[in-house]
Protein backbone atom coordinates (compact mmCIF):
# COMPACT_ATOMS: atom_id res chain seq x y z
CA MET A 1 0.00 -0.01 -0.01
CA SER A 2 1.34 3.42 -0.93
CA ASN A 3 0.21 7.00 -0.57
CA SER A 4 1.12 7.72 -4.18
CA PRO A 5 2.37 4.74 -6.18
CA ARG A 6 1.69 6.66 -9.34
CA SER A 7 4.38 9.22 -8.46
CA LEU A 8 6.91 7.31 -10.62
CA ARG A 9 7.81 9.48 -13.59
CA TRP A 10 10.21 9.52 -16.49
CA LEU A 11 12.53 12.48 -16.10
CA VAL A 12 14.65 12.92 -19.22
CA GLY A 13 16.68 16.01 -20.06
CA GLY A 14 14.56 18.20 -17.79
CA LEU A 15 11.36 17.14 -19.52
CA VAL A 16 8.64 15.25 -17.76
CA GLY A 17 7.03 12.40 -19.66
CA PHE A 18 3.36 11.56 -19.38
CA SER A 19 1.17 8.86 -20.89
CA LEU A 20 -2.35 8.90 -22.27
CA LEU A 21 -4.11 5.84 -20.88
CA THR A 22 -7.19 4.13 -22.21
CA GLY A 23 -10.33 4.83 -20.22
CA CYS A 24 -12.96 7.51 -20.29
CA GLY A 25 -13.58 11.01 -19.12
CA ALA A 26 -16.40 13.52 -19.09
CA PRO A 27 -17.67 15.23 -22.25
CA ASP A 28 -16.82 18.85 -22.94
CA GLU A 29 -18.16 20.33 -26.12
CA GLN A 30 -16.03 23.46 -25.71
CA ALA A 31 -12.69 21.72 -26.24
CA GLY A 32 -11.98 20.05 -29.56
CA ASN A 33 -14.41 18.11 -31.68
CA THR A 34 -15.02 14.42 -31.31
CA GLU A 35 -13.66 12.94 -34.53
CA ILE A 36 -13.82 9.18 -34.34
CA THR A 37 -11.68 8.74 -37.45
CA ALA A 38 -8.71 10.69 -36.06
CA PRO A 39 -5.95 8.45 -34.69
CA GLU A 40 -4.88 8.69 -31.07
CA ALA A 41 -1.83 10.88 -30.56
CA VAL A 42 1.57 9.18 -30.38
CA ALA A 43 4.99 10.39 -29.29
CA GLY A 44 6.09 13.48 -31.17
CA GLU A 45 2.59 14.58 -32.16
CA LEU A 46 1.69 16.60 -29.06
CA ALA A 47 3.77 19.36 -27.47
CA VAL A 48 2.98 20.16 -23.84
CA SER A 49 3.98 23.29 -21.95
CA ILE A 50 3.28 24.45 -18.40
CA SER A 51 3.53 27.89 -16.81
CA ALA A 52 2.77 29.40 -13.41
CA GLY A 53 2.52 33.17 -13.95
CA THR A 54 4.22 33.94 -10.64
CA SER A 55 7.10 32.65 -8.55
CA ALA A 56 5.36 32.80 -5.17
CA LEU A 57 1.83 32.02 -3.96
CA ARG A 58 0.26 32.88 -0.62
CA ALA A 59 -2.16 30.52 1.11
CA SER A 60 -5.04 32.71 -0.06
CA ASP A 61 -3.98 32.36 -3.71
CA ALA A 62 -5.10 29.56 -5.98
CA ALA A 63 -2.18 27.22 -6.74
CA ALA A 64 -2.79 27.84 -10.43
CA VAL A 65 -0.78 26.42 -13.29
CA THR A 66 -1.58 26.72 -16.98
CA VAL A 67 -1.14 23.78 -19.35
CA THR A 68 -1.13 24.02 -23.12
CA LEU A 69 -1.29 20.98 -25.41
CA THR A 70 -0.55 21.61 -29.09
CA ASN A 71 -0.92 19.24 -32.01
CA VAL A 72 2.42 19.58 -33.82
CA SER A 73 1.69 16.83 -36.33
CA GLY A 74 0.40 17.26 -39.85
CA HIS A 75 -2.93 15.58 -39.17
CA SER A 76 -5.76 15.58 -36.59
CA VAL A 77 -5.20 13.54 -33.45
CA ARG A 78 -7.46 12.60 -30.57
CA VAL A 79 -6.74 12.21 -26.88
CA LEU A 80 -8.77 11.08 -23.91
CA LYS A 81 -10.24 14.03 -22.07
CA ARG A 82 -9.48 12.59 -18.68
CA ASP A 83 -5.78 12.57 -19.55
CA THR A 84 -5.90 16.33 -20.18
CA PRO A 85 -7.01 19.26 -17.99
CA VAL A 86 -9.97 20.04 -20.26
CA ASP A 87 -12.43 19.22 -17.45
CA GLY A 88 -10.10 19.97 -14.54
CA ILE A 89 -7.91 17.48 -12.71
CA LYS A 90 -9.65 14.12 -12.86
CA ASN A 91 -6.51 12.01 -12.84
CA ASP A 92 -2.97 12.13 -11.49
CA LEU A 93 -1.87 14.50 -14.27
CA PHE A 94 1.14 16.17 -12.69
CA SER A 95 4.52 15.32 -11.24
CA VAL A 96 4.75 17.43 -8.08
CA THR A 97 7.66 17.61 -5.63
CA ARG A 98 8.26 19.84 -2.62
CA ASP A 99 11.90 20.63 -1.93
CA GLY A 100 12.79 17.44 -3.80
CA ALA A 101 10.29 15.13 -2.05
CA ALA A 102 7.32 13.63 -3.92
CA VAL A 103 3.95 15.20 -3.17
CA ALA A 104 0.94 12.89 -2.86
CA TYR A 105 -1.96 12.96 -5.30
CA ILE A 106 -5.07 13.18 -3.11
CA GLY A 107 -7.60 13.96 -5.82
CA ARG A 108 -10.28 11.77 -7.31
CA HIS A 109 -9.70 8.02 -7.73
CA TYR A 110 -12.14 6.79 -10.38
CA LYS A 111 -13.41 3.49 -11.64
CA TRP A 112 -13.57 4.29 -15.34
CA ALA A 113 -15.92 2.75 -17.87
CA ALA A 114 -14.85 1.71 -21.37
CA ALA A 115 -14.06 4.79 -23.49
CA GLN A 116 -16.78 6.06 -25.81
CA ALA A 117 -16.40 8.50 -28.72
CA GLU A 118 -17.51 11.43 -26.60
CA ASP A 119 -14.72 10.73 -24.10
CA PHE A 120 -12.11 11.96 -26.61
CA LEU A 121 -11.26 15.40 -27.89
CA THR A 122 -9.72 16.04 -31.29
CA LEU A 123 -7.03 18.59 -32.06
CA ALA A 124 -6.52 19.69 -35.67
CA PRO A 125 -2.97 20.27 -36.99
CA GLY A 126 -1.54 23.27 -35.14
CA GLU A 127 -4.51 23.53 -32.77
CA SER A 128 -3.87 24.11 -29.07
CA LEU A 129 -5.85 23.43 -25.90
CA THR A 130 -5.09 25.61 -22.85
CA ARG A 131 -6.48 25.18 -19.36
CA THR A 132 -5.62 26.68 -15.97
CA VAL A 133 -6.14 24.41 -12.97
CA ASP A 134 -5.68 24.68 -9.21
CA LEU A 135 -3.18 22.09 -7.94
CA ALA A 136 -4.66 22.40 -4.45
CA SER A 137 -7.78 20.60 -5.72
CA ALA A 138 -5.84 17.36 -6.16
CA TYR A 139 -2.40 17.48 -4.51
CA ASP A 140 -1.23 17.72 -0.90
CA LEU A 141 -0.04 21.31 -0.54
CA ALA A 142 -0.39 21.45 3.25
CA VAL A 143 3.29 22.26 3.85
CA SER A 144 4.96 25.46 2.65
CA GLY A 145 7.94 25.03 0.35
CA ASN A 146 9.36 25.21 -3.15
CA TYR A 147 7.14 23.11 -5.41
CA THR A 148 8.38 21.83 -8.78
CA VAL A 149 5.57 20.89 -11.15
CA GLY A 150 5.54 19.17 -14.51
CA TYR A 151 2.69 17.81 -16.58
CA ALA A 152 3.22 14.07 -16.14
CA GLU A 153 0.14 11.89 -16.32
CA ALA A 154 1.04 8.70 -14.42
CA ILE A 155 2.84 6.03 -16.41
CA HIS A 156 1.10 2.67 -16.31
CA GLY A 157 2.97 1.26 -19.28
CA GLY A 158 2.51 0.77 -22.98
CA ALA A 159 1.14 4.19 -23.89
CA ALA A 160 2.54 7.04 -25.99
CA GLN A 161 4.94 9.37 -24.21
CA PHE A 162 4.76 13.14 -24.32
CA ALA A 163 6.70 15.80 -22.45
CA SER A 164 6.44 19.19 -20.72
CA ASN A 165 8.83 21.58 -19.08
CA THR A 166 8.80 22.02 -15.29
CA VAL A 167 8.14 25.15 -13.22
CA THR A 168 9.13 25.87 -9.62
CA VAL A 169 6.92 28.01 -7.39
CA SER A 170 7.16 28.93 -3.72
CA ILE A 171 3.77 27.90 -2.29
CA GLU A 172 2.49 28.72 1.17
CA GLY A 173 0.78 25.67 2.69
CA ARG A 174 -2.99 25.37 2.61
CA PRO A 175 -5.52 22.66 3.63
CA PHE A 176 -7.23 20.37 1.15
CA VAL A 177 -10.85 21.45 0.68
CA LEU A 178 -13.55 19.26 -0.88
CA PRO A 179 -15.90 20.80 -3.45
CA GLN A 180 -19.15 22.04 -1.96
CA GLU A 181 -22.39 20.19 -2.63
CA SER A 182 -25.83 19.85 -1.10
CA SER A 183 -25.79 18.67 2.53
CA GLU A 184 -29.22 17.09 2.31
CA ARG A 185 -29.05 13.39 3.13
CA VAL A 186 -31.49 10.52 3.05
CA VAL A 187 -30.65 7.79 5.53
CA SER A 188 -31.16 4.14 4.50
CA PRO A 189 -30.45 0.87 6.32
CA PHE A 190 -26.93 -0.52 6.81
CA ALA A 191 -25.49 2.80 8.10
CA LEU A 192 -25.85 4.19 4.57
CA SER A 193 -26.99 7.66 3.62
CA THR A 194 -27.38 9.23 0.19
CA THR A 195 -27.21 12.78 -1.06
CA GLY A 196 -28.39 14.30 -4.33
CA CYS A 197 -30.21 11.09 -5.30
CA THR A 198 -33.70 10.55 -6.69
CA SER A 199 -35.77 7.88 -4.93
CA SER A 200 -34.97 5.45 -7.79
CA GLN A 201 -31.26 6.19 -7.53
CA ALA A 202 -31.31 5.80 -3.76
CA SER A 203 -32.93 2.41 -4.21
CA GLY A 204 -30.21 1.34 -6.65
CA VAL A 205 -27.51 2.54 -4.28
CA SER A 206 -29.08 0.64 -1.38
CA SER A 207 -29.25 -2.58 -3.40
CA GLY A 208 -25.64 -2.15 -4.49
CA PHE A 209 -24.55 -1.41 -0.94
CA SER A 210 -26.24 -4.58 0.32
CA GLY A 211 -24.47 -6.55 -2.40
CA ALA A 212 -21.12 -4.92 -1.53
CA LYS A 213 -21.53 -6.00 2.09
CA THR A 214 -22.19 -9.55 0.95
CA TYR A 215 -19.22 -9.50 -1.45
CA SER A 216 -16.77 -8.17 1.16
CA SER A 217 -18.01 -10.62 3.79
CA ASN A 218 -17.72 -13.58 1.41
CA ALA A 219 -14.22 -12.51 0.25
CA LEU A 220 -13.04 -12.20 3.85
CA SER A 221 -14.57 -15.57 4.72
CA TYR A 222 -12.79 -17.19 1.76
CA LEU A 223 -9.42 -15.76 2.77
CA THR A 224 -10.01 -16.72 6.40
CA ASN A 225 -11.29 -20.25 5.93
CA THR A 226 -9.37 -21.42 2.86
CA THR A 227 -5.93 -22.88 3.40
CA PRO A 228 -3.53 -20.23 2.10
CA SER A 229 -2.17 -21.48 -1.22
CA GLY A 230 -2.10 -20.74 -4.92
CA THR A 231 -5.82 -21.23 -5.49
CA ALA A 232 -7.34 -20.35 -8.83
CA ARG A 233 -9.31 -17.48 -7.36
CA TYR A 234 -6.31 -15.96 -5.58
CA THR A 235 -3.79 -16.33 -8.42
CA THR A 236 -6.21 -15.06 -11.09
CA TRP A 237 -6.53 -11.67 -9.40
CA PHE A 238 -3.50 -11.34 -7.13
CA GLY A 239 -0.84 -13.38 -8.92
CA ALA A 240 1.65 -15.95 -7.69
CA TYR A 241 0.92 -17.12 -4.16
CA SER A 242 2.95 -15.89 -1.23
CA SER A 243 2.01 -16.00 2.43
CA SER A 244 2.57 -12.24 2.74
CA GLY A 245 0.39 -11.58 -0.31
CA TRP A 246 -2.44 -13.71 1.10
CA SER A 247 -2.14 -11.88 4.42
CA THR A 248 -2.29 -8.52 2.64
CA ALA A 249 -5.43 -9.49 0.73
CA LYS A 250 -7.03 -10.79 3.90
CA SER A 251 -6.16 -7.60 5.79
CA HIS A 252 -7.60 -5.48 2.98
CA PHE A 253 -10.90 -7.34 2.91
CA SER A 254 -11.09 -7.27 6.69
CA SER A 255 -10.88 -3.49 6.52
CA ILE A 256 -13.30 -3.24 3.58
CA ASN A 257 -15.83 -5.48 5.33
CA SER A 258 -15.47 -3.55 8.58
CA ALA A 259 -16.03 -0.24 6.79
CA PHE A 260 -19.23 -1.42 5.10
CA ASN A 261 -20.57 -2.75 8.40
CA ASN A 262 -19.32 -0.26 10.96
CA GLN A 263 -18.82 3.11 9.29
CA SER A 264 -21.30 5.77 8.20
CA VAL A 265 -21.05 5.61 4.43
CA VAL A 266 -22.37 8.45 2.30
CA VAL A 267 -23.09 7.97 -1.41
CA SER A 268 -23.52 11.04 -3.61
CA CYS A 269 -25.42 10.86 -6.90
CA ALA A 270 -24.30 14.28 -8.12
CA CYS A 271 -21.53 13.06 -10.46
CA THR A 272 -22.30 13.20 -14.19
CA ASP A 273 -18.99 11.88 -15.51
CA SER A 274 -19.10 8.84 -17.76
CA ALA A 275 -17.32 6.78 -15.14
CA TYR A 276 -18.71 4.37 -12.55
CA ALA A 277 -17.67 6.26 -9.43
CA TYR A 278 -14.84 8.05 -7.62
CA VAL A 279 -13.63 8.89 -4.14
CA TYR A 280 -11.12 11.20 -2.50
CA PRO A 281 -8.83 8.69 -0.74
CA THR A 282 -8.15 10.93 2.27
CA GLN A 283 -11.88 11.60 2.80
CA PRO A 284 -13.61 8.41 4.04
CA TYR A 285 -16.33 7.22 3.67
CA LYS A 286 -17.99 9.26 0.92
CA ILE A 287 -18.42 7.67 -2.51
CA TYR A 288 -19.53 9.62 -5.59
CA VAL A 289 -21.37 7.45 -8.12
CA CYS A 290 -21.44 8.51 -11.79
CA ASN A 291 -23.29 7.76 -15.02
CA ALA A 292 -21.97 4.24 -15.72
CA PHE A 293 -23.06 3.14 -12.22
CA TRP A 294 -26.75 3.35 -13.11
CA SER A 295 -26.63 0.93 -16.05
CA ALA A 296 -24.47 -1.58 -14.17
CA PRO A 297 -26.12 -4.75 -12.81
CA THR A 298 -26.60 -4.91 -9.05
CA THR A 299 -24.18 -7.82 -8.76
CA GLY A 300 -21.82 -9.59 -11.16
CA THR A 301 -18.90 -8.30 -13.21
CA ASP A 302 -18.46 -4.50 -13.03
CA SER A 303 -21.60 -4.27 -10.95
CA LYS A 304 -22.95 -1.65 -8.57
CA ALA A 305 -21.91 -3.83 -5.63
CA GLY A 306 -18.44 -4.41 -7.08
CA THR A 307 -17.99 -0.73 -7.86
CA LEU A 308 -18.66 0.13 -4.20
CA VAL A 309 -16.05 -2.48 -3.13
CA HIS A 310 -13.60 -0.96 -5.61
CA GLU A 311 -14.13 2.54 -4.27
CA MET A 312 -14.11 1.52 -0.60
CA SER A 313 -10.69 -0.07 -1.12
CA HIS A 314 -9.28 3.30 -2.27
CA PHE A 315 -9.64 5.02 1.09
CA ASN A 316 -6.32 5.34 2.90
CA ALA A 317 -8.16 4.42 6.12
CA VAL A 318 -9.27 1.15 4.50
CA ALA A 319 -6.83 -0.43 2.03
CA GLY A 320 -5.30 2.57 0.24
CA THR A 321 -5.41 0.91 -3.19
CA ASP A 322 -4.57 2.63 -6.45
CA ASP A 323 -5.59 2.09 -10.08
CA TRP A 324 -2.90 0.21 -11.96
CA ALA A 325 -5.24 -1.59 -14.36
CA TYR A 326 -8.91 -1.37 -15.38
CA GLY A 327 -11.06 -4.28 -16.55
CA GLN A 328 -10.82 -8.04 -16.06
CA SER A 329 -8.35 -8.68 -18.88
CA ALA A 330 -5.91 -6.00 -17.72
CA ALA A 331 -6.29 -7.06 -14.09
CA LYS A 332 -5.47 -10.68 -14.96
CA SER A 333 -2.40 -9.56 -16.88
CA LEU A 334 -1.31 -7.37 -13.96
CA ALA A 335 -1.62 -10.36 -11.59
CA LYS A 336 0.77 -12.34 -13.81
CA SER A 337 3.29 -9.56 -14.37
CA ASN A 338 3.30 -7.74 -11.06
CA PRO A 339 1.56 -9.39 -8.04
CA SER A 340 2.51 -6.56 -5.70
CA ARG A 341 0.68 -4.04 -7.88
CA ALA A 342 -2.26 -6.42 -8.23
CA LEU A 343 -2.53 -6.37 -4.43
CA ASP A 344 -2.60 -2.57 -4.68
CA ASN A 345 -5.12 -2.46 -7.57
CA ALA A 346 -8.75 -1.57 -6.82
CA ASP A 347 -10.24 -3.47 -9.77
CA SER A 348 -8.36 -6.61 -8.68
CA HIS A 349 -10.13 -6.41 -5.33
CA GLU A 350 -13.46 -5.84 -7.03
CA TYR A 351 -13.08 -8.85 -9.33
CA PHE A 352 -11.86 -11.07 -6.49
CA ALA A 353 -14.97 -10.09 -4.55
CA GLU A 354 -17.40 -10.44 -7.48
CA ASN A 355 -15.84 -13.80 -8.37
CA THR A 356 -17.51 -14.10 -11.79
CA PRO A 357 -17.15 -16.62 -13.22
CA ALA A 358 -16.92 -18.41 -9.87
CA GLN A 359 -13.56 -19.89 -8.86
CA ASN A 360 -12.46 -21.76 -5.76
């Protein structure tokens, strides 16, 4: 478990590399057109620059940086919106250090749905996209210091590499503040409350929550009562057996199960992104469910219940998982190639809990 496993970056010649991952983000008609026929950008086709506008920021100032992406190729290219700042910071988009030490990403941790056409933006040859974002909305700026920032979407392997310059700014520390939303809550059974939900949505959340409790309880029971070994279920999702790995998985599901049964969980229905859900890992136990959540089955693969398990695992107070791979196929490959990351991957926990198709 790590506060920021995605802080690994490629630093080459003073430029910070970033990758555009597959996944989905929220639509934004104001930035680029969705052109399905345009190829996805590859190395050398996008130039990225970052600027700060000032060398020192007080606590009362926004920790603003401006990012510009320019298509320097001779043809139109498309990129996933969530891997750009077009809709704000919805991913670990930056490499941030304070006086040489890595700064944790504490922004949204999503479960993304499969990318659709509207999740991309298209840049014509020579076209640029510029956005200014507040780093304090997603990074831990609690301590004053000299912060060095580069645009560096987390590298999870196999994607095209791009690069930006870095800027250094003296930033006065400030607390992390969650976005404001309605405080109205509707309390349901199982220590669950909802906010911003219609009655139909609240019913769907309640059913998913009940299923998540069952999933987490069954997963913990399996890891408690099964002789630790390289079982098909364990190795499929967490990789080669080790006693320490089994103990880690058991500890994680013990914490997940305890949270569902003993904590006051709040589910917000206000999100309109084309993802399943997200959480802020330092802010337990509030889960924001998004558009893909509503069409998901109550139980089964990529279900409402499984999504809630996925998101619960993200909280630092629970299991502190990250997102190294999305989807069953990628999660299975991760288990084979890197069991330690599989044990830190939220989707791996979800699929172990959903157990579809069933394995022993």
